Amino acid sequence: MLNRLFAGGSLPALEAMLTFASARQKLIATNIANVDTAGYRTRDLATPDFSGVLARTLRDGPAADAGILKPNGNNVDLEVEMSKMVRNSALHSTAASLLAQQFAMLREAVAGHVIS
C-alpha cells in the first residue's frame, strides 16, 4: 500500500528534480572553485536532458554554454556559472517546496482532516 502511495504521482518526479538540482549545484560549485585552475574545463548537467534523469542515473559532461578558452586552457566564465547557480537554486527550492506541500497534504489525509 505504501509503495503505491510513494511510487506514483508527483513524488518520484519531485525526487528526481531534487536529485538533479543537487548534483548540478555540486558541478557548478566545482566550476566556480576552479575558475583559475589551468586546463580546467567547465562541467554541467544539461537541463534539456532532465527528462532523461527520470529514467537513468546522472552523468555530467562538458557544458554546452562554457566560456571561451583562456590561454591557460581554462574555460570557466564566473558570471555564467553564478547565473546557473542562481537558476539551479530556484529549481531546487521549487522542488523542495512542492515536495513539502505534498507531504503536508499526506499528513492531513492521514490525520483525517478535510483540506479546503
Protein backbone atom coordinates (compact mmCIF):
# COMPACT_ATOMS: atom_id res chain seq x y z
CA MET A 1 0.00 0.00 0.00
CA LEU A 2 2.75 2.46 0.93
CA ASN A 3 4.69 1.52 -2.18
CA ARG A 4 1.73 2.55 -4.36
CA LEU A 5 1.39 5.78 -2.42
CA PHE A 6 5.01 6.85 -2.81
CA ALA A 7 5.82 5.28 -6.21
CA GLY A 8 3.11 7.10 -8.16
CA GLY A 9 2.05 10.66 -8.71
CA SER A 10 4.41 13.58 -8.42
CA LEU A 11 6.66 12.29 -5.63
CA PRO A 12 9.11 10.40 -7.89
CA ALA A 13 9.32 13.36 -10.29
CA LEU A 14 9.99 15.77 -7.42
CA GLU A 15 12.62 13.43 -6.02
CA ALA A 16 14.31 13.29 -9.44
CA MET A 17 14.15 17.08 -9.68
CA LEU A 18 15.83 17.45 -6.28
CA THR A 19 18.48 14.89 -7.19
CA PHE A 20 19.16 16.68 -10.47
CA ALA A 21 19.37 20.11 -8.83
CA SER A 22 21.68 18.85 -6.07
CA ALA A 23 24.05 17.13 -8.49
CA ARG A 24 24.07 20.18 -10.78
CA GLN A 25 24.76 22.53 -7.87
CA LYS A 26 27.83 20.46 -6.94
CA LEU A 27 29.16 20.66 -10.50
CA ILE A 28 28.57 24.40 -10.71
CA ALA A 29 30.32 24.92 -7.37
CA THR A 30 33.26 22.85 -8.65
CA ASN A 31 33.39 25.00 -11.78
CA ILE A 32 33.46 28.18 -9.68
CA ALA A 33 36.15 26.74 -7.40
CA ASN A 34 38.31 26.01 -10.45
CA VAL A 35 37.88 29.40 -12.12
CA ASP A 36 41.66 29.93 -12.07
CA THR A 37 42.80 26.31 -12.50
CA ALA A 38 44.88 25.89 -15.63
CA GLY A 39 43.37 23.41 -18.08
CA TYR A 40 40.09 23.02 -16.19
CA ARG A 41 37.04 22.62 -18.43
CA THR A 42 33.54 23.54 -17.31
CA ARG A 43 31.25 20.57 -16.49
CA ASP A 44 27.45 20.64 -16.29
CA LEU A 45 24.27 18.61 -16.32
CA ALA A 46 22.23 19.89 -19.23
CA THR A 47 18.72 20.96 -18.30
CA PRO A 48 17.24 19.69 -21.60
CA ASP A 49 18.39 16.24 -20.51
CA PHE A 50 16.35 16.46 -17.30
CA SER A 51 13.63 14.17 -18.66
CA GLY A 52 16.31 11.52 -19.07
CA VAL A 53 17.16 11.88 -15.38
CA LEU A 54 13.85 10.24 -14.58
CA ALA A 55 14.96 7.12 -16.44
CA ARG A 56 18.70 6.85 -15.74
CA THR A 57 21.45 7.95 -13.41
CA LEU A 58 23.01 11.41 -13.66
CA ARG A 59 26.07 11.81 -15.85
CA ASP A 60 27.98 15.02 -16.24
CA GLY A 61 29.71 16.20 -19.37
CA PRO A 62 31.17 19.29 -20.98
CA ALA A 63 28.94 22.33 -20.52
CA ALA A 64 27.16 23.49 -23.66
CA ASP A 65 27.44 27.14 -22.60
CA ALA A 66 31.06 27.11 -21.44
CA GLY A 67 33.07 30.29 -21.67
CA ILE A 68 35.80 30.96 -24.19
CA LEU A 69 39.03 29.06 -23.80
CA LYS A 70 41.65 31.13 -21.94
CA PRO A 71 45.38 30.90 -22.64
CA ASN A 72 45.83 28.58 -19.65
CA GLY A 73 43.28 26.13 -21.10
CA ASN A 74 40.52 27.06 -18.62
CA ASN A 75 37.05 27.93 -19.96
CA VAL A 76 35.14 28.80 -16.75
CA ASP A 77 33.17 32.05 -17.03
CA LEU A 78 32.40 33.14 -13.46
CA GLU A 79 29.36 35.22 -14.46
CA VAL A 80 27.83 32.32 -16.40
CA GLU A 81 28.45 29.90 -13.52
CA MET A 82 26.96 32.28 -10.94
CA SER A 83 23.89 32.76 -13.14
CA LYS A 84 23.49 28.98 -13.49
CA MET A 85 23.85 28.60 -9.73
CA VAL A 86 21.05 31.11 -9.05
CA ARG A 87 18.68 29.43 -11.55
CA ASN A 88 19.54 26.00 -10.19
CA SER A 89 18.92 27.14 -6.60
CA ALA A 90 15.46 28.33 -7.66
CA LEU A 91 14.76 24.92 -9.24
CA HIS A 92 15.83 23.15 -6.06
CA SER A 93 13.76 25.48 -3.84
CA THR A 94 10.68 24.99 -6.01
CA ALA A 95 11.00 21.21 -5.93
CA ALA A 96 11.58 21.20 -2.17
CA SER A 97 8.53 23.42 -1.60
CA LEU A 98 6.33 21.24 -3.79
CA LEU A 99 7.55 18.12 -2.03
CA ALA A 100 6.88 19.67 1.39
CA GLN A 101 3.37 20.58 0.23
CA GLN A 102 2.77 17.00 -0.93
CA PHE A 103 3.81 15.64 2.46
CA ALA A 104 1.67 18.23 4.27
CA MET A 105 -1.36 17.07 2.29
CA LEU A 106 -0.48 13.46 3.09
CA ARG A 107 -0.25 14.30 6.81
CA GLU A 108 -3.67 15.98 6.61
CA ALA A 109 -5.15 12.95 4.90
CA VAL A 110 -3.68 10.55 7.47
CA ALA A 111 -4.91 12.73 10.34
CA GLY A 112 -8.38 12.74 8.80
CA HIS A 113 -8.62 16.50 8.36
CA VAL A 114 -10.55 17.93 5.47
CA ILE A 115 -8.44 20.08 3.17
CA SER A 116 -10.35 23.12 1.99
